[in-house]
């Protein structure tokens, strides 16, 4: 899941609650490329579990970036500037 997030980082979205639904849907579609489940399990159940886990993983990824304050290769310069600006202003997650 984190692999998918790293491929498509959103510059102005430093917490999962602020990620627009079209982006969340994109993450979901990309994640399904890597993950398979038993056909007996309905996709709605997988989607609900994914939503909960995605929130946790995205939050953990952003927390690690904020804590380390070192720009990784997968974060663009623009995204990094926006993240730093939000963190320096003490912004919390916005919906």
N, C-alpha and C. Protein backbone atom coordinates (compact mmCIF):
# COMPACT_ATOMS: atom_id res chain seq x y z
N UNK A 1 0.82 -1.18 0.00
CA UNK A 1 0.00 0.00 0.00
C UNK A 1 0.87 1.26 0.00
N UNK A 2 1.87 1.28 0.83
CA UNK A 2 2.77 2.43 0.89
C UNK A 2 3.48 2.61 -0.45
N UNK A 3 3.76 1.50 -1.12
CA UNK A 3 4.40 1.55 -2.44
C UNK A 3 3.54 2.36 -3.41
N UNK A 4 2.24 2.17 -3.37
CA UNK A 4 1.32 2.91 -4.23
C UNK A 4 1.33 4.39 -3.85
N UNK A 5 1.27 4.69 -2.58
CA UNK A 5 1.30 6.08 -2.13
C UNK A 5 2.56 6.78 -2.61
N UNK A 6 3.68 6.10 -2.51
CA UNK A 6 4.96 6.70 -2.88
C UNK A 6 5.03 7.01 -4.38
N UNK A 7 4.32 6.25 -5.19
CA UNK A 7 4.35 6.50 -6.63
C UNK A 7 3.53 7.71 -7.02
N UNK A 8 2.50 8.03 -6.24
CA UNK A 8 1.60 9.14 -6.57
C UNK A 8 1.37 10.03 -5.36
N UNK A 9 2.42 10.69 -4.90
CA UNK A 9 2.29 11.61 -3.77
C UNK A 9 1.53 12.86 -4.22
N UNK A 10 0.67 13.36 -3.35
CA UNK A 10 -0.13 14.54 -3.65
C UNK A 10 0.46 15.72 -2.87
N UNK A 11 0.95 16.74 -3.57
CA UNK A 11 1.67 17.82 -2.90
C UNK A 11 0.94 18.49 -1.74
N UNK A 12 -0.33 18.80 -1.91
CA UNK A 12 -1.02 19.57 -0.88
C UNK A 12 -1.74 18.70 0.14
N UNK A 13 -1.54 17.42 0.12
CA UNK A 13 -2.29 16.51 0.99
C UNK A 13 -1.35 15.81 1.94
N UNK A 14 -1.24 16.35 3.13
CA UNK A 14 -0.32 15.80 4.13
C UNK A 14 -1.02 14.91 5.15
N UNK A 15 -2.32 14.66 4.96
CA UNK A 15 -3.00 13.66 5.80
C UNK A 15 -4.11 13.02 4.98
N UNK A 16 -4.47 11.80 5.31
CA UNK A 16 -5.42 11.01 4.55
C UNK A 16 -6.78 11.68 4.45
N UNK A 17 -7.22 12.34 5.51
CA UNK A 17 -8.54 12.98 5.51
C UNK A 17 -8.64 14.07 4.46
N UNK A 18 -7.53 14.64 4.07
CA UNK A 18 -7.55 15.72 3.08
C UNK A 18 -7.35 15.24 1.64
N UNK A 19 -7.11 13.95 1.46
CA UNK A 19 -6.93 13.41 0.11
C UNK A 19 -8.30 13.35 -0.57
N UNK A 20 -8.46 13.99 -1.73
CA UNK A 20 -9.75 13.97 -2.43
C UNK A 20 -10.15 12.55 -2.83
N UNK A 21 -11.45 12.31 -2.87
CA UNK A 21 -11.95 10.98 -3.21
C UNK A 21 -11.44 10.47 -4.56
N UNK A 22 -11.35 11.30 -5.61
CA UNK A 22 -10.79 10.77 -6.87
C UNK A 22 -9.37 10.22 -6.70
N UNK A 23 -8.57 10.85 -5.85
CA UNK A 23 -7.22 10.35 -5.59
C UNK A 23 -7.27 9.05 -4.78
N UNK A 24 -8.17 9.00 -3.81
CA UNK A 24 -8.33 7.77 -3.03
C UNK A 24 -8.76 6.63 -3.93
N UNK A 25 -9.68 6.93 -4.87
CA UNK A 25 -10.12 5.90 -5.82
C UNK A 25 -8.96 5.44 -6.69
N UNK A 26 -8.12 6.37 -7.10
CA UNK A 26 -6.94 6.02 -7.90
C UNK A 26 -6.00 5.10 -7.10
N UNK A 27 -5.74 5.46 -5.85
CA UNK A 27 -4.91 4.61 -4.99
C UNK A 27 -5.52 3.21 -4.88
N UNK A 28 -6.83 3.14 -4.69
CA UNK A 28 -7.53 1.85 -4.57
C UNK A 28 -7.33 1.02 -5.83
N UNK A 29 -7.54 1.62 -7.00
CA UNK A 29 -7.38 0.89 -8.26
C UNK A 29 -5.94 0.41 -8.44
N UNK A 30 -4.98 1.25 -8.10
CA UNK A 30 -3.58 0.85 -8.23
C UNK A 30 -3.22 -0.26 -7.25
N UNK A 31 -3.75 -0.16 -6.04
CA UNK A 31 -3.47 -1.18 -5.02
C UNK A 31 -4.01 -2.53 -5.46
N UNK A 32 -5.18 -2.55 -6.11
CA UNK A 32 -5.78 -3.81 -6.56
C UNK A 32 -4.90 -4.53 -7.58
N UNK A 33 -4.04 -3.80 -8.27
CA UNK A 33 -3.11 -4.41 -9.22
C UNK A 33 -2.14 -5.34 -8.49
N UNK A 34 -1.77 -4.97 -7.27
CA UNK A 34 -0.78 -5.73 -6.50
C UNK A 34 -1.38 -6.77 -5.56
N UNK A 35 -2.65 -6.66 -5.26
CA UNK A 35 -3.26 -7.50 -4.23
C UNK A 35 -4.38 -8.34 -4.82
N UNK A 36 -4.41 -9.59 -4.47
CA UNK A 36 -5.46 -10.51 -4.91
C UNK A 36 -6.13 -11.11 -3.69
N UNK A 37 -7.41 -11.44 -3.82
CA UNK A 37 -8.14 -12.06 -2.73
C UNK A 37 -9.05 -13.14 -3.28
N UNK A 38 -9.50 -14.00 -2.42
CA UNK A 38 -10.39 -15.10 -2.78
C UNK A 38 -11.68 -14.53 -3.37
N UNK A 39 -12.13 -15.10 -4.48
CA UNK A 39 -13.35 -14.64 -5.13
C UNK A 39 -14.59 -14.75 -4.24
N UNK A 40 -14.52 -15.60 -3.22
CA UNK A 40 -15.65 -15.76 -2.31
C UNK A 40 -15.83 -14.53 -1.41
N UNK A 41 -14.80 -13.72 -1.30
CA UNK A 41 -14.88 -12.52 -0.47
C UNK A 41 -15.31 -11.35 -1.35
N UNK A 42 -16.41 -10.73 -0.98
CA UNK A 42 -16.96 -9.64 -1.77
C UNK A 42 -16.02 -8.43 -1.75
N UNK A 43 -15.89 -7.78 -2.89
CA UNK A 43 -14.97 -6.64 -3.01
C UNK A 43 -15.32 -5.51 -2.05
N UNK A 44 -16.59 -5.35 -1.69
CA UNK A 44 -16.99 -4.30 -0.75
C UNK A 44 -16.32 -4.50 0.61
N UNK A 45 -16.18 -5.76 1.03
CA UNK A 45 -15.51 -6.04 2.31
C UNK A 45 -14.02 -5.70 2.23
N UNK A 46 -13.42 -6.05 1.11
CA UNK A 46 -12.00 -5.73 0.91
C UNK A 46 -11.82 -4.21 0.87
N UNK A 47 -12.72 -3.53 0.18
CA UNK A 47 -12.64 -2.07 0.07
C UNK A 47 -12.75 -1.40 1.44
N UNK A 48 -13.65 -1.87 2.27
CA UNK A 48 -13.81 -1.29 3.62
C UNK A 48 -12.54 -1.50 4.45
N UNK A 49 -11.97 -2.70 4.37
CA UNK A 49 -10.73 -2.97 5.10
C UNK A 49 -9.59 -2.12 4.53
N UNK A 50 -9.57 -1.98 3.22
CA UNK A 50 -8.55 -1.15 2.57
C UNK A 50 -8.62 0.29 3.08
N UNK A 51 -9.83 0.84 3.14
CA UNK A 51 -10.00 2.24 3.57
C UNK A 51 -9.40 2.46 4.95
N UNK A 52 -9.66 1.55 5.86
CA UNK A 52 -9.13 1.68 7.22
C UNK A 52 -7.61 1.57 7.21
N UNK A 53 -7.11 0.59 6.49
CA UNK A 53 -5.66 0.37 6.46
C UNK A 53 -4.95 1.51 5.71
N UNK A 54 -5.57 2.01 4.65
CA UNK A 54 -4.97 3.10 3.88
C UNK A 54 -4.80 4.34 4.75
N UNK A 55 -5.80 4.63 5.55
CA UNK A 55 -5.71 5.77 6.48
C UNK A 55 -4.51 5.59 7.40
N UNK A 56 -4.37 4.41 7.96
CA UNK A 56 -3.26 4.12 8.88
C UNK A 56 -1.91 4.23 8.19
N UNK A 57 -1.78 3.64 7.01
CA UNK A 57 -0.50 3.63 6.29
C UNK A 57 -0.11 5.02 5.79
N UNK A 58 -1.09 5.77 5.25
CA UNK A 58 -0.80 7.12 4.76
C UNK A 58 -0.36 8.01 5.92
N UNK A 59 -1.07 7.90 7.03
CA UNK A 59 -0.72 8.68 8.22
C UNK A 59 0.68 8.33 8.70
N UNK A 60 1.01 7.05 8.72
CA UNK A 60 2.34 6.61 9.16
C UNK A 60 3.42 7.13 8.22
N UNK A 61 3.16 7.08 6.93
CA UNK A 61 4.13 7.57 5.96
C UNK A 61 4.38 9.06 6.17
N UNK A 62 3.32 9.83 6.29
CA UNK A 62 3.47 11.27 6.48
C UNK A 62 4.13 11.60 7.82
N UNK A 63 3.81 10.83 8.85
CA UNK A 63 4.44 11.03 10.16
C UNK A 63 5.95 10.82 10.07
N UNK A 64 6.34 9.78 9.35
CA UNK A 64 7.77 9.49 9.18
C UNK A 64 8.47 10.62 8.42
N UNK A 65 7.82 11.12 7.37
CA UNK A 65 8.40 12.23 6.63
C UNK A 65 8.56 13.46 7.52
N UNK A 66 7.52 13.74 8.29
CA UNK A 66 7.55 14.91 9.17
C UNK A 66 8.63 14.76 10.24
N UNK A 67 8.73 13.58 10.82
CA UNK A 67 9.71 13.34 11.89
C UNK A 67 11.14 13.46 11.37
N UNK A 68 11.41 12.86 10.22
CA UNK A 68 12.78 12.83 9.69
C UNK A 68 13.20 14.15 9.04
N UNK A 69 12.25 14.86 8.46
CA UNK A 69 12.52 16.14 7.78
C UNK A 69 13.64 16.03 6.74
N UNK A 70 13.69 14.88 6.08
CA UNK A 70 14.64 14.67 4.99
C UNK A 70 13.81 14.28 3.77
N UNK A 71 13.95 15.03 2.69
CA UNK A 71 13.16 14.79 1.50
C UNK A 71 13.59 13.50 0.81
N UNK A 72 12.69 12.51 0.75
CA UNK A 72 13.02 11.27 0.04
C UNK A 72 12.89 11.46 -1.48
N UNK A 73 13.47 10.56 -2.24
CA UNK A 73 13.45 10.65 -3.70
C UNK A 73 12.04 10.64 -4.28
N UNK A 74 11.11 9.97 -3.63
CA UNK A 74 9.77 9.84 -4.20
C UNK A 74 8.88 11.06 -3.97
N UNK A 75 9.36 12.06 -3.24
CA UNK A 75 8.59 13.28 -2.99
C UNK A 75 9.17 14.41 -3.84
N UNK A 76 8.31 15.02 -4.67
CA UNK A 76 8.77 16.11 -5.52
C UNK A 76 9.15 17.33 -4.67
N UNK A 77 9.92 18.22 -5.27
CA UNK A 77 10.30 19.45 -4.57
C UNK A 77 9.07 20.26 -4.17
N UNK A 78 8.11 20.35 -5.08
CA UNK A 78 6.88 21.10 -4.79
C UNK A 78 6.14 20.49 -3.61
N UNK A 79 5.98 19.18 -3.63
CA UNK A 79 5.28 18.51 -2.52
C UNK A 79 6.03 18.73 -1.21
N UNK A 80 7.34 18.60 -1.25
CA UNK A 80 8.14 18.75 -0.03
C UNK A 80 7.99 20.16 0.55
N UNK A 81 8.02 21.18 -0.30
CA UNK A 81 7.83 22.56 0.17
C UNK A 81 6.47 22.73 0.83
N UNK A 82 5.46 22.15 0.23
CA UNK A 82 4.11 22.28 0.80
C UNK A 82 3.97 21.53 2.12
N UNK A 83 4.56 20.36 2.19
CA UNK A 83 4.51 19.60 3.45
C UNK A 83 5.22 20.39 4.55
N UNK A 84 6.42 20.87 4.26
CA UNK A 84 7.18 21.63 5.27
C UNK A 84 6.42 22.87 5.72
N UNK A 85 5.82 23.55 4.77
CA UNK A 85 5.06 24.75 5.10
C UNK A 85 3.90 24.41 6.03
N UNK A 86 3.18 23.36 5.73
CA UNK A 86 2.05 22.95 6.57
C UNK A 86 2.52 22.56 7.96
N UNK A 87 3.60 21.81 8.03
CA UNK A 87 4.11 21.36 9.33
C UNK A 87 4.64 22.54 10.15
N UNK A 88 5.32 23.47 9.49
CA UNK A 88 5.86 24.63 10.20
C UNK A 88 4.76 25.54 10.73
N UNK A 89 3.63 25.57 10.03
CA UNK A 89 2.50 26.37 10.50
C UNK A 89 1.65 25.62 11.52
N UNK A 90 2.04 24.38 11.79
CA UNK A 90 1.33 23.59 12.79
C UNK A 90 -0.06 23.16 12.35
N UNK A 91 -0.26 23.05 11.04
CA UNK A 91 -1.57 22.67 10.54
C UNK A 91 -1.88 21.22 10.90
N UNK A 92 -3.10 21.00 11.29
CA UNK A 92 -3.56 19.64 11.54
C UNK A 92 -4.32 19.18 10.30
N UNK A 93 -4.74 17.94 10.31
CA UNK A 93 -5.47 17.41 9.16
C UNK A 93 -6.75 18.21 8.93
N UNK A 94 -6.95 18.58 7.69
CA UNK A 94 -8.15 19.32 7.28
C UNK A 94 -8.95 18.44 6.34
N UNK A 95 -10.25 18.45 6.49
CA UNK A 95 -11.12 17.69 5.58
C UNK A 95 -11.51 18.58 4.44
